[in-house]
Amino acid sequence: MKIKTKKRPSWDEYFLKLAMLASERSTCPRMHCGCVIVKDKFVLATGYNGSLPGLPHCEDEGCLIVDNHCVRTNHAEINALTQAVTHGVNLKGSTAYITNMSCTTCAKAMIAAGIKRVVVFSEYHDTLATKFYTESHVEIVKLKMPGKEIHYDLKRYTSARKTKKSK
């Protein structure tokens, strides 16, 4: 029996959706951003904008604004990079899937870490990221925002069964 399935997302769409999911962990109401760093279709690290470990979150204590920027949080890219460093992961030659174009500082950190390709679907204000990425020969891919929905039809999958909690 042949069952028609929905169109599978491309790899770029798939990893951008993972970045969107990571952004849901963000703790600053001014911006939700997610970053997924990938090499050879393997996720190396993820990040979202949030406070330093053990310190208050914007959603709990309010934003800490300096020059119209919240400085309480690290950006998604920095958190993904620190996750990779914490686990000894080499990012040289990898791709960063980011919900929003990097700020200037994050772009410089990504370049220094060896990121060679950046995929985004939205811009960021007042950034020189595109300039630095281009000058450093980092490929920039701008895609439309992938669909926000997840297609999972438990009723249609004949081998799946609901758990007591999923009813």
C-alpha atoms as a PDB file:
ATOM      1  CA  MET A   1       0.000   0.000   0.000  1.00  0.00           C
ATOM      2  CA  LYS A   2       1.452   3.343  -1.079  1.00  0.00           C
ATOM      3  CA  ILE A   3       0.747   6.212   1.308  1.00  0.00           C
ATOM      4  CA  LYS A   4       1.104   9.756   0.037  1.00  0.00           C
ATOM      5  CA  THR A   5       3.195  11.897   2.365  1.00  0.00           C
ATOM      6  CA  LYS A   6       3.660  15.651   2.539  1.00  0.00           C
ATOM      7  CA  LYS A   7       6.636  17.182   0.769  1.00  0.00           C
ATOM      8  CA  ARG A   8       9.725  16.739   2.882  1.00  0.00           C
ATOM      9  CA  PRO A   9      11.515  19.951   3.824  1.00  0.00           C
ATOM     10  CA  SER A  10      14.916  20.600   2.275  1.00  0.00           C
ATOM     11  CA  TRP A  11      17.878  20.260   4.632  1.00  0.00           C
ATOM     12  CA  ASP A  12      18.106  24.055   4.881  1.00  0.00           C
ATOM     13  CA  GLU A  13      14.398  24.306   5.774  1.00  0.00           C
ATOM     14  CA  TYR A  14      14.745  21.456   8.284  1.00  0.00           C
ATOM     15  CA  PHE A  15      17.666  23.062  10.131  1.00  0.00           C
ATOM     16  CA  LEU A  16      16.017  26.512  10.043  1.00  0.00           C
ATOM     17  CA  LYS A  17      12.950  24.944  11.670  1.00  0.00           C
ATOM     18  CA  LEU A  18      15.241  23.538  14.370  1.00  0.00           C
ATOM     19  CA  ALA A  19      16.602  27.065  14.886  1.00  0.00           C
ATOM     20  CA  MET A  20      13.019  28.318  15.177  1.00  0.00           C
ATOM     21  CA  LEU A  21      12.340  25.642  17.801  1.00  0.00           C
ATOM     22  CA  ALA A  22      15.514  26.606  19.699  1.00  0.00           C
ATOM     23  CA  SER A  23      14.335  30.237  19.694  1.00  0.00           C
ATOM     24  CA  GLU A  24      11.313  29.192  21.756  1.00  0.00           C
ATOM     25  CA  ARG A  25      13.711  28.802  24.723  1.00  0.00           C
ATOM     26  CA  SER A  26      14.704  32.500  24.490  1.00  0.00           C
ATOM     27  CA  THR A  27      14.204  34.476  27.675  1.00  0.00           C
ATOM     28  CA  CYS A  28      14.363  38.072  26.378  1.00  0.00           C
ATOM     29  CA  PRO A  29      11.048  39.515  25.179  1.00  0.00           C
ATOM     30  CA  ARG A  30      12.805  41.987  22.848  1.00  0.00           C
ATOM     31  CA  MET A  31      13.962  39.237  20.465  1.00  0.00           C
ATOM     32  CA  HIS A  32      13.645  35.488  20.170  1.00  0.00           C
ATOM     33  CA  CYS A  33      16.486  34.065  18.118  1.00  0.00           C
ATOM     34  CA  GLY A  34      17.725  30.525  17.606  1.00  0.00           C
ATOM     35  CA  CYS A  35      20.947  29.154  16.125  1.00  0.00           C
ATOM     36  CA  VAL A  36      21.773  25.623  15.032  1.00  0.00           C
ATOM     37  CA  ILE A  37      25.310  24.818  13.874  1.00  0.00           C
ATOM     38  CA  VAL A  38      25.554  21.885  11.482  1.00  0.00           C
ATOM     39  CA  LYS A  39      28.235  19.994   9.584  1.00  0.00           C
ATOM     40  CA  ASP A  40      27.589  17.145   7.169  1.00  0.00           C
ATOM     41  CA  LYS A  41      23.868  17.198   8.108  1.00  0.00           C
ATOM     42  CA  PHE A  42      24.774  16.607  11.766  1.00  0.00           C
ATOM     43  CA  VAL A  43      23.809  19.065  14.513  1.00  0.00           C
ATOM     44  CA  LEU A  44      26.930  20.163  16.384  1.00  0.00           C
ATOM     45  CA  ALA A  45      25.488  22.812  18.709  1.00  0.00           C
ATOM     46  CA  THR A  46      22.381  24.878  19.377  1.00  0.00           C
ATOM     47  CA  GLY A  47      21.739  28.186  21.072  1.00  0.00           C
ATOM     48  CA  TYR A  48      19.098  30.769  21.813  1.00  0.00           C
ATOM     49  CA  ASN A  49      19.280  34.240  23.300  1.00  0.00           C
ATOM     50  CA  GLY A  50      19.227  33.970  27.050  1.00  0.00           C
ATOM     51  CA  SER A  51      20.917  35.047  30.244  1.00  0.00           C
ATOM     52  CA  LEU A  52      24.192  33.741  31.571  1.00  0.00           C
ATOM     53  CA  PRO A  53      23.848  30.487  33.534  1.00  0.00           C
ATOM     54  CA  GLY A  54      22.540  31.112  37.034  1.00  0.00           C
ATOM     55  CA  LEU A  55      21.711  34.780  36.446  1.00  0.00           C
ATOM     56  CA  PRO A  56      18.230  36.326  36.203  1.00  0.00           C
ATOM     57  CA  HIS A  57      16.303  36.208  32.936  1.00  0.00           C
ATOM     58  CA  CYS A  58      14.764  39.245  31.262  1.00  0.00           C
ATOM     59  CA  GLU A  59      11.336  37.667  31.506  1.00  0.00           C
ATOM     60  CA  ASP A  60      11.791  37.474  35.306  1.00  0.00           C
ATOM     61  CA  GLU A  61      13.769  40.641  36.148  1.00  0.00           C
ATOM     62  CA  GLY A  62      13.287  42.846  33.084  1.00  0.00           C
ATOM     63  CA  CYS A  63      15.712  43.727  30.336  1.00  0.00           C
ATOM     64  CA  LEU A  64      19.006  45.472  31.107  1.00  0.00           C
ATOM     65  CA  ILE A  65      19.216  48.116  28.375  1.00  0.00           C
ATOM     66  CA  VAL A  66      22.436  49.868  27.322  1.00  0.00           C
ATOM     67  CA  ASP A  67      22.465  51.943  24.106  1.00  0.00           C
ATOM     68  CA  ASN A  68      19.080  50.479  23.129  1.00  0.00           C
ATOM     69  CA  HIS A  69      20.357  46.879  23.432  1.00  0.00           C
ATOM     70  CA  CYS A  70      19.548  44.341  26.103  1.00  0.00           C
ATOM     71  CA  VAL A  71      22.874  43.294  27.599  1.00  0.00           C
ATOM     72  CA  ARG A  72      21.441  40.809  30.092  1.00  0.00           C
ATOM     73  CA  THR A  73      21.406  38.072  27.454  1.00  0.00           C
ATOM     74  CA  ASN A  74      23.920  36.365  25.234  1.00  0.00           C
ATOM     75  CA  HIS A  75      22.793  36.068  21.635  1.00  0.00           C
ATOM     76  CA  ALA A  76      21.876  32.694  20.143  1.00  0.00           C
ATOM     77  CA  GLU A  77      25.126  32.471  18.165  1.00  0.00           C
ATOM     78  CA  ILE A  78      27.297  33.062  21.242  1.00  0.00           C
ATOM     79  CA  ASN A  79      25.370  30.440  23.207  1.00  0.00           C
ATOM     80  CA  ALA A  80      25.756  27.929  20.356  1.00  0.00           C
ATOM     81  CA  LEU A  81      29.486  28.666  20.141  1.00  0.00           C
ATOM     82  CA  THR A  82      29.957  28.275  23.901  1.00  0.00           C
ATOM     83  CA  GLN A  83      27.993  25.015  23.842  1.00  0.00           C
ATOM     84  CA  ALA A  84      30.378  23.710  21.180  1.00  0.00           C
ATOM     85  CA  VAL A  85      33.440  24.837  23.149  1.00  0.00           C
ATOM     86  CA  THR A  86      32.082  23.277  26.344  1.00  0.00           C
ATOM     87  CA  HIS A  87      31.792  19.917  24.573  1.00  0.00           C
ATOM     88  CA  GLY A  88      35.032  20.163  22.583  1.00  0.00           C
ATOM     89  CA  VAL A  89      33.316  20.399  19.189  1.00  0.00           C
ATOM     90  CA  ASN A  90      35.296  21.766  16.222  1.00  0.00           C
ATOM     91  CA  LEU A  91      33.101  24.051  14.105  1.00  0.00           C
ATOM     92  CA  LYS A  92      35.550  24.657  11.254  1.00  0.00           C
ATOM     93  CA  GLY A  93      33.739  24.495   7.905  1.00  0.00           C
ATOM     94  CA  SER A  94      30.249  24.246   9.403  1.00  0.00           C
ATOM     95  CA  THR A  95      26.969  26.002   8.600  1.00  0.00           C
ATOM     96  CA  ALA A  96      25.032  28.195  11.042  1.00  0.00           C
ATOM     97  CA  TYR A  97      21.251  28.260  10.690  1.00  0.00           C
ATOM     98  CA  ILE A  98      20.026  31.391  12.442  1.00  0.00           C
ATOM     99  CA  THR A  99      16.517  32.801  12.637  1.00  0.00           C
ATOM    100  CA  ASN A 100      17.863  36.368  12.302  1.00  0.00           C
ATOM    101  CA  MET A 101      20.982  37.812  10.674  1.00  0.00           C
ATOM    102  CA  SER A 102      23.771  38.100  13.217  1.00  0.00           C
ATOM    103  CA  CYS A 103      24.726  41.280  15.002  1.00  0.00           C
ATOM    104  CA  THR A 104      28.219  42.542  14.222  1.00  0.00           C
ATOM    105  CA  THR A 105      29.811  40.968  17.312  1.00  0.00           C
ATOM    106  CA  CYS A 106      28.214  37.560  16.744  1.00  0.00           C
ATOM    107  CA  ALA A 107      29.239  37.592  13.074  1.00  0.00           C
ATOM    108  CA  LYS A 108      32.863  38.197  14.066  1.00  0.00           C
ATOM    109  CA  ALA A 109      32.702  35.352  16.607  1.00  0.00           C
ATOM    110  CA  MET A 110      31.170  32.984  14.027  1.00  0.00           C
ATOM    111  CA  ILE A 111      33.877  33.859  11.499  1.00  0.00           C
ATOM    112  CA  ALA A 112      36.615  33.320  14.108  1.00  0.00           C
ATOM    113  CA  ALA A 113      35.093  29.916  14.965  1.00  0.00           C
ATOM    114  CA  GLY A 114      35.360  28.784  11.338  1.00  0.00           C
ATOM    115  CA  ILE A 115      31.723  29.000  10.221  1.00  0.00           C
ATOM    116  CA  LYS A 116      31.732  28.972   6.402  1.00  0.00           C
ATOM    117  CA  ARG A 117      28.019  29.275   5.594  1.00  0.00           C
ATOM    118  CA  VAL A 118      25.169  31.172   7.245  1.00  0.00           C
ATOM    119  CA  VAL A 119      21.480  30.549   6.471  1.00  0.00           C
ATOM    120  CA  VAL A 120      18.873  33.048   7.731  1.00  0.00           C
ATOM    121  CA  PHE A 121      15.316  34.124   7.012  1.00  0.00           C
ATOM    122  CA  SER A 122      15.193  37.568   8.637  1.00  0.00           C
ATOM    123  CA  GLU A 123      17.390  40.614   9.101  1.00  0.00           C
ATOM    124  CA  TYR A 124      18.793  42.310  12.196  1.00  0.00           C
ATOM    125  CA  HIS A 125      18.978  46.078  12.663  1.00  0.00           C
ATOM    126  CA  ASP A 126      22.207  48.084  12.565  1.00  0.00           C
ATOM    127  CA  THR A 127      24.595  45.246  11.799  1.00  0.00           C
ATOM    128  CA  LEU A 128      27.764  44.922   9.778  1.00  0.00           C
ATOM    129  CA  ALA A 129      27.393  41.139   9.688  1.00  0.00           C
ATOM    130  CA  THR A 130      26.882  40.928   5.927  1.00  0.00           C
ATOM    131  CA  LYS A 131      30.003  43.048   5.350  1.00  0.00           C
ATOM    132  CA  PHE A 132      32.172  40.902   7.643  1.00  0.00           C
ATOM    133  CA  TYR A 133      30.751  37.594   6.389  1.00  0.00           C
ATOM    134  CA  THR A 134      31.287  38.645   2.764  1.00  0.00           C
ATOM    135  CA  GLU A 135      34.827  39.923   3.359  1.00  0.00           C
ATOM    136  CA  SER A 136      35.645  36.651   5.150  1.00  0.00           C
ATOM    137  CA  HIS A 137      34.226  34.524   2.312  1.00  0.00           C
ATOM    138  CA  VAL A 138      31.384  33.155   4.410  1.00  0.00           C
ATOM    139  CA  GLU A 139      28.479  32.196   2.155  1.00  0.00           C
ATOM    140  CA  ILE A 140      25.220  33.918   3.123  1.00  0.00           C
ATOM    141  CA  VAL A 141      21.954  32.248   2.152  1.00  0.00           C
ATOM    142  CA  LYS A 142      18.709  34.149   2.733  1.00  0.00           C
ATOM    143  CA  LEU A 143      15.597  32.003   2.533  1.00  0.00           C
ATOM    144  CA  LYS A 144      11.948  32.676   3.162  1.00  0.00           C
ATOM    145  CA  MET A 145      10.747  31.731   6.622  1.00  0.00           C
ATOM    146  CA  PRO A 146       9.838  28.036   6.715  1.00  0.00           C
ATOM    147  CA  GLY A 147       6.346  27.024   7.777  1.00  0.00           C
ATOM    148  CA  LYS A 148       5.757  27.240  11.522  1.00  0.00           C
ATOM    149  CA  GLU A 149       3.734  24.056  11.751  1.00  0.00           C
ATOM    150  CA  ILE A 150       4.998  20.552  12.396  1.00  0.00           C
ATOM    151  CA  HIS A 151       3.231  17.890  10.357  1.00  0.00           C
ATOM    152  CA  TYR A 152       2.744  14.823  12.509  1.00  0.00           C
ATOM    153  CA  ASP A 153      -0.459  12.834  12.132  1.00  0.00           C
ATOM    154  CA  LEU A 154      -0.559  10.243  14.910  1.00  0.00           C
ATOM    155  CA  LYS A 155      -3.874   8.855  13.667  1.00  0.00           C
ATOM    156  CA  ARG A 156      -2.524   8.209  10.176  1.00  0.00           C
ATOM    157  CA  TYR A 157       0.682   6.418  11.192  1.00  0.00           C
ATOM    158  CA  THR A 158      -0.376   2.815  11.509  1.00  0.00           C
ATOM    159  CA  SER A 159       2.610   1.759  13.643  1.00  0.00           C
ATOM    160  CA  ALA A 160       2.157   4.537  16.202  1.00  0.00           C
ATOM    161  CA  ARG A 161      -0.005   4.347  19.306  1.00  0.00           C
ATOM    162  CA  LYS A 162      -1.076   7.109  21.670  1.00  0.00           C
ATOM    163  CA  THR A 163       0.288   7.041  25.176  1.00  0.00           C
ATOM    164  CA  LYS A 164      -2.017   7.635  28.129  1.00  0.00           C
ATOM    165  CA  LYS A 165      -0.771  11.225  28.344  1.00  0.00           C
ATOM    166  CA  SER A 166      -1.250  12.006  24.631  1.00  0.00           C
ATOM    167  CA  LYS A 167      -5.023  11.332  24.612  1.00  0.00           C
END
